[in-house]
Amino acid sequence: MKTNSEIEAMAKAAGEVTAAAFAGQAAGLGLLLAEMQALAQMMPGSTAPLPERDQAEIEADFDNMPV
């Protein structure tokens, strides 16, 4: 049977591993965000909103979709 100190040590180690895993994921997601923002600046695109007529045509296409 394990003593409380052994169980506490295992729990502490598990907590440290979990914290390290979360930190690694946060670093990876931060890098991905930076890459996506850089690509968004390089890709051509329109930032102006669509005219309401175009929006109505697009919406009409979606309204005719079967359920």
N, C-alpha and C. Protein backbone atom coordinates (compact mmCIF):
# COMPACT_ATOMS: atom_id res chain seq x y z
N MET A 1 0.84 -1.18 0.00
CA MET A 1 0.00 0.00 0.00
C MET A 1 0.89 1.24 0.00
N LYS A 2 0.51 2.20 -0.80
CA LYS A 2 1.31 3.42 -0.91
C LYS A 2 0.96 4.37 0.21
N THR A 3 1.97 5.11 0.63
CA THR A 3 1.75 6.09 1.68
C THR A 3 1.22 7.38 1.07
N ASN A 4 0.73 8.25 1.94
CA ASN A 4 0.21 9.54 1.47
C ASN A 4 1.28 10.35 0.77
N SER A 5 2.51 10.29 1.25
CA SER A 5 3.57 11.09 0.63
C SER A 5 3.86 10.60 -0.79
N GLU A 6 3.79 9.28 -1.02
CA GLU A 6 3.99 8.76 -2.37
C GLU A 6 2.86 9.18 -3.30
N ILE A 7 1.65 9.12 -2.79
CA ILE A 7 0.49 9.52 -3.60
C ILE A 7 0.55 11.01 -3.89
N GLU A 8 0.93 11.81 -2.91
CA GLU A 8 1.05 13.25 -3.11
C GLU A 8 2.14 13.56 -4.14
N ALA A 9 3.24 12.82 -4.10
CA ALA A 9 4.31 13.03 -5.06
C ALA A 9 3.85 12.68 -6.47
N MET A 10 3.10 11.59 -6.60
CA MET A 10 2.57 11.20 -7.91
C MET A 10 1.57 12.24 -8.42
N ALA A 11 0.72 12.74 -7.54
CA ALA A 11 -0.26 13.75 -7.93
C ALA A 11 0.44 15.04 -8.35
N LYS A 12 1.49 15.40 -7.63
CA LYS A 12 2.25 16.61 -7.98
C LYS A 12 2.91 16.44 -9.34
N ALA A 13 3.49 15.27 -9.59
CA ALA A 13 4.13 15.01 -10.88
C ALA A 13 3.10 15.05 -12.01
N ALA A 14 1.92 14.47 -11.77
CA ALA A 14 0.87 14.50 -12.78
C ALA A 14 0.42 15.93 -13.07
N GLY A 15 0.32 16.73 -12.03
CA GLY A 15 -0.05 18.14 -12.21
C GLY A 15 0.99 18.90 -13.01
N GLU A 16 2.26 18.62 -12.75
CA GLU A 16 3.33 19.30 -13.49
C GLU A 16 3.34 18.89 -14.96
N VAL A 17 3.10 17.61 -15.22
CA VAL A 17 3.03 17.14 -16.61
C VAL A 17 1.85 17.79 -17.33
N THR A 18 0.72 17.88 -16.66
CA THR A 18 -0.46 18.51 -17.25
C THR A 18 -0.20 19.99 -17.55
N ALA A 19 0.43 20.68 -16.61
CA ALA A 19 0.75 22.10 -16.82
C ALA A 19 1.71 22.27 -18.00
N ALA A 20 2.69 21.38 -18.11
CA ALA A 20 3.63 21.46 -19.22
C ALA A 20 2.93 21.20 -20.55
N ALA A 21 2.00 20.26 -20.56
CA ALA A 21 1.25 19.97 -21.79
C ALA A 21 0.41 21.17 -22.21
N PHE A 22 -0.26 21.80 -21.25
CA PHE A 22 -1.05 22.99 -21.57
C PHE A 22 -0.17 24.12 -22.07
N ALA A 23 0.99 24.30 -21.47
CA ALA A 23 1.91 25.36 -21.91
C ALA A 23 2.38 25.09 -23.34
N GLY A 24 2.65 23.83 -23.65
CA GLY A 24 3.06 23.48 -25.01
C GLY A 24 1.96 23.75 -26.02
N GLN A 25 0.73 23.41 -25.66
CA GLN A 25 -0.39 23.68 -26.56
C GLN A 25 -0.58 25.18 -26.76
N ALA A 26 -0.45 25.95 -25.70
CA ALA A 26 -0.61 27.40 -25.80
C ALA A 26 0.45 28.00 -26.71
N ALA A 27 1.68 27.50 -26.60
CA ALA A 27 2.76 28.01 -27.45
C ALA A 27 2.48 27.66 -28.91
N GLY A 28 2.04 26.45 -29.17
CA GLY A 28 1.73 26.04 -30.53
C GLY A 28 0.58 26.83 -31.12
N LEU A 29 -0.45 27.07 -30.32
CA LEU A 29 -1.59 27.85 -30.81
C LEU A 29 -1.22 29.31 -31.04
N GLY A 30 -0.33 29.84 -30.21
CA GLY A 30 0.14 31.20 -30.41
C GLY A 30 0.90 31.34 -31.73
N LEU A 31 1.72 30.34 -32.04
CA LEU A 31 2.46 30.35 -33.30
C LEU A 31 1.50 30.23 -34.48
N LEU A 32 0.51 29.36 -34.37
CA LEU A 32 -0.48 29.21 -35.43
C LEU A 32 -1.24 30.52 -35.65
N LEU A 33 -1.61 31.20 -34.58
CA LEU A 33 -2.31 32.48 -34.71
C LEU A 33 -1.45 33.50 -35.43
N ALA A 34 -0.17 33.57 -35.08
CA ALA A 34 0.73 34.51 -35.74
C ALA A 34 0.86 34.20 -37.23
N GLU A 35 0.95 32.92 -37.57
CA GLU A 35 1.04 32.54 -38.99
C GLU A 35 -0.23 32.90 -39.74
N MET A 36 -1.38 32.66 -39.11
CA MET A 36 -2.65 32.98 -39.77
C MET A 36 -2.80 34.48 -39.98
N GLN A 37 -2.39 35.27 -38.99
CA GLN A 37 -2.48 36.72 -39.13
C GLN A 37 -1.55 37.22 -40.22
N ALA A 38 -0.35 36.64 -40.31
CA ALA A 38 0.59 37.04 -41.36
C ALA A 38 0.04 36.68 -42.74
N LEU A 39 -0.52 35.49 -42.87
CA LEU A 39 -1.09 35.09 -44.15
C LEU A 39 -2.29 35.96 -44.52
N ALA A 40 -3.08 36.34 -43.55
CA ALA A 40 -4.25 37.19 -43.82
C ALA A 40 -3.81 38.54 -44.39
N GLN A 41 -2.67 39.03 -43.96
CA GLN A 41 -2.17 40.30 -44.48
C GLN A 41 -1.63 40.16 -45.90
N MET A 42 -1.16 38.97 -46.25
CA MET A 42 -0.55 38.75 -47.57
C MET A 42 -1.58 38.38 -48.63
N MET A 43 -2.69 37.79 -48.24
CA MET A 43 -3.67 37.31 -49.20
C MET A 43 -4.55 38.46 -49.68
N PRO A 44 -4.82 38.47 -50.98
CA PRO A 44 -5.71 39.52 -51.48
C PRO A 44 -7.14 39.24 -51.02
N GLY A 45 -7.86 40.29 -50.84
CA GLY A 45 -9.24 40.13 -50.42
C GLY A 45 -9.89 41.48 -50.26
N SER A 46 -11.17 41.44 -50.15
CA SER A 46 -11.93 42.67 -50.01
C SER A 46 -12.36 42.82 -48.56
N THR A 47 -12.15 44.01 -48.03
CA THR A 47 -12.59 44.28 -46.67
C THR A 47 -13.90 45.07 -46.66
N ALA A 48 -14.34 45.50 -47.85
CA ALA A 48 -15.59 46.25 -47.94
C ALA A 48 -16.77 45.28 -47.84
N PRO A 49 -17.83 45.67 -47.15
CA PRO A 49 -18.99 44.79 -47.04
C PRO A 49 -19.69 44.64 -48.39
N LEU A 50 -20.33 43.51 -48.58
CA LEU A 50 -21.08 43.28 -49.81
C LEU A 50 -22.28 44.22 -49.87
N PRO A 51 -22.62 44.67 -51.05
CA PRO A 51 -23.84 45.46 -51.17
C PRO A 51 -25.04 44.63 -50.72
N GLU A 52 -26.07 45.29 -50.25
CA GLU A 52 -27.24 44.57 -49.72
C GLU A 52 -27.90 43.70 -50.78
N ARG A 53 -27.82 44.10 -52.03
CA ARG A 53 -28.41 43.29 -53.09
C ARG A 53 -27.70 41.95 -53.17
N ASP A 54 -26.37 41.96 -53.11
CA ASP A 54 -25.61 40.71 -53.15
C ASP A 54 -25.91 39.85 -51.93
N GLN A 55 -26.02 40.47 -50.78
CA GLN A 55 -26.33 39.71 -49.57
C GLN A 55 -27.70 39.06 -49.68
N ALA A 56 -28.67 39.76 -50.28
CA ALA A 56 -30.01 39.20 -50.44
C ALA A 56 -29.98 38.01 -51.40
N GLU A 57 -29.18 38.09 -52.46
CA GLU A 57 -29.08 36.97 -53.40
C GLU A 57 -28.45 35.75 -52.72
N ILE A 58 -27.44 35.98 -51.94
CA ILE A 58 -26.79 34.87 -51.23
C ILE A 58 -27.76 34.25 -50.24
N GLU A 59 -28.47 35.08 -49.51
CA GLU A 59 -29.43 34.57 -48.53
C GLU A 59 -30.55 33.80 -49.22
N ALA A 60 -30.98 34.25 -50.38
CA ALA A 60 -32.05 33.56 -51.11
C ALA A 60 -31.60 32.16 -51.51
N ASP A 61 -30.33 32.01 -51.87
CA ASP A 61 -29.82 30.68 -52.22
C ASP A 61 -29.90 29.74 -51.02
N PHE A 62 -29.61 30.22 -49.85
CA PHE A 62 -29.64 29.37 -48.66
C PHE A 62 -31.07 29.04 -48.24
N ASP A 63 -32.01 29.94 -48.50
CA ASP A 63 -33.40 29.70 -48.11
C ASP A 63 -34.03 28.57 -48.92
N ASN A 64 -33.49 28.28 -50.11
CA ASN A 64 -34.06 27.24 -50.97
C ASN A 64 -33.46 25.86 -50.71
N MET A 65 -32.58 25.75 -49.76
CA MET A 65 -31.95 24.46 -49.49
C MET A 65 -32.92 23.53 -48.77
N PRO A 66 -32.95 22.24 -49.17
CA PRO A 66 -33.85 21.30 -48.48
C PRO A 66 -33.38 21.04 -47.06
N VAL A 67 -34.32 20.69 -46.23
CA VAL A 67 -34.01 20.43 -44.82
C VAL A 67 -33.71 18.97 -44.61
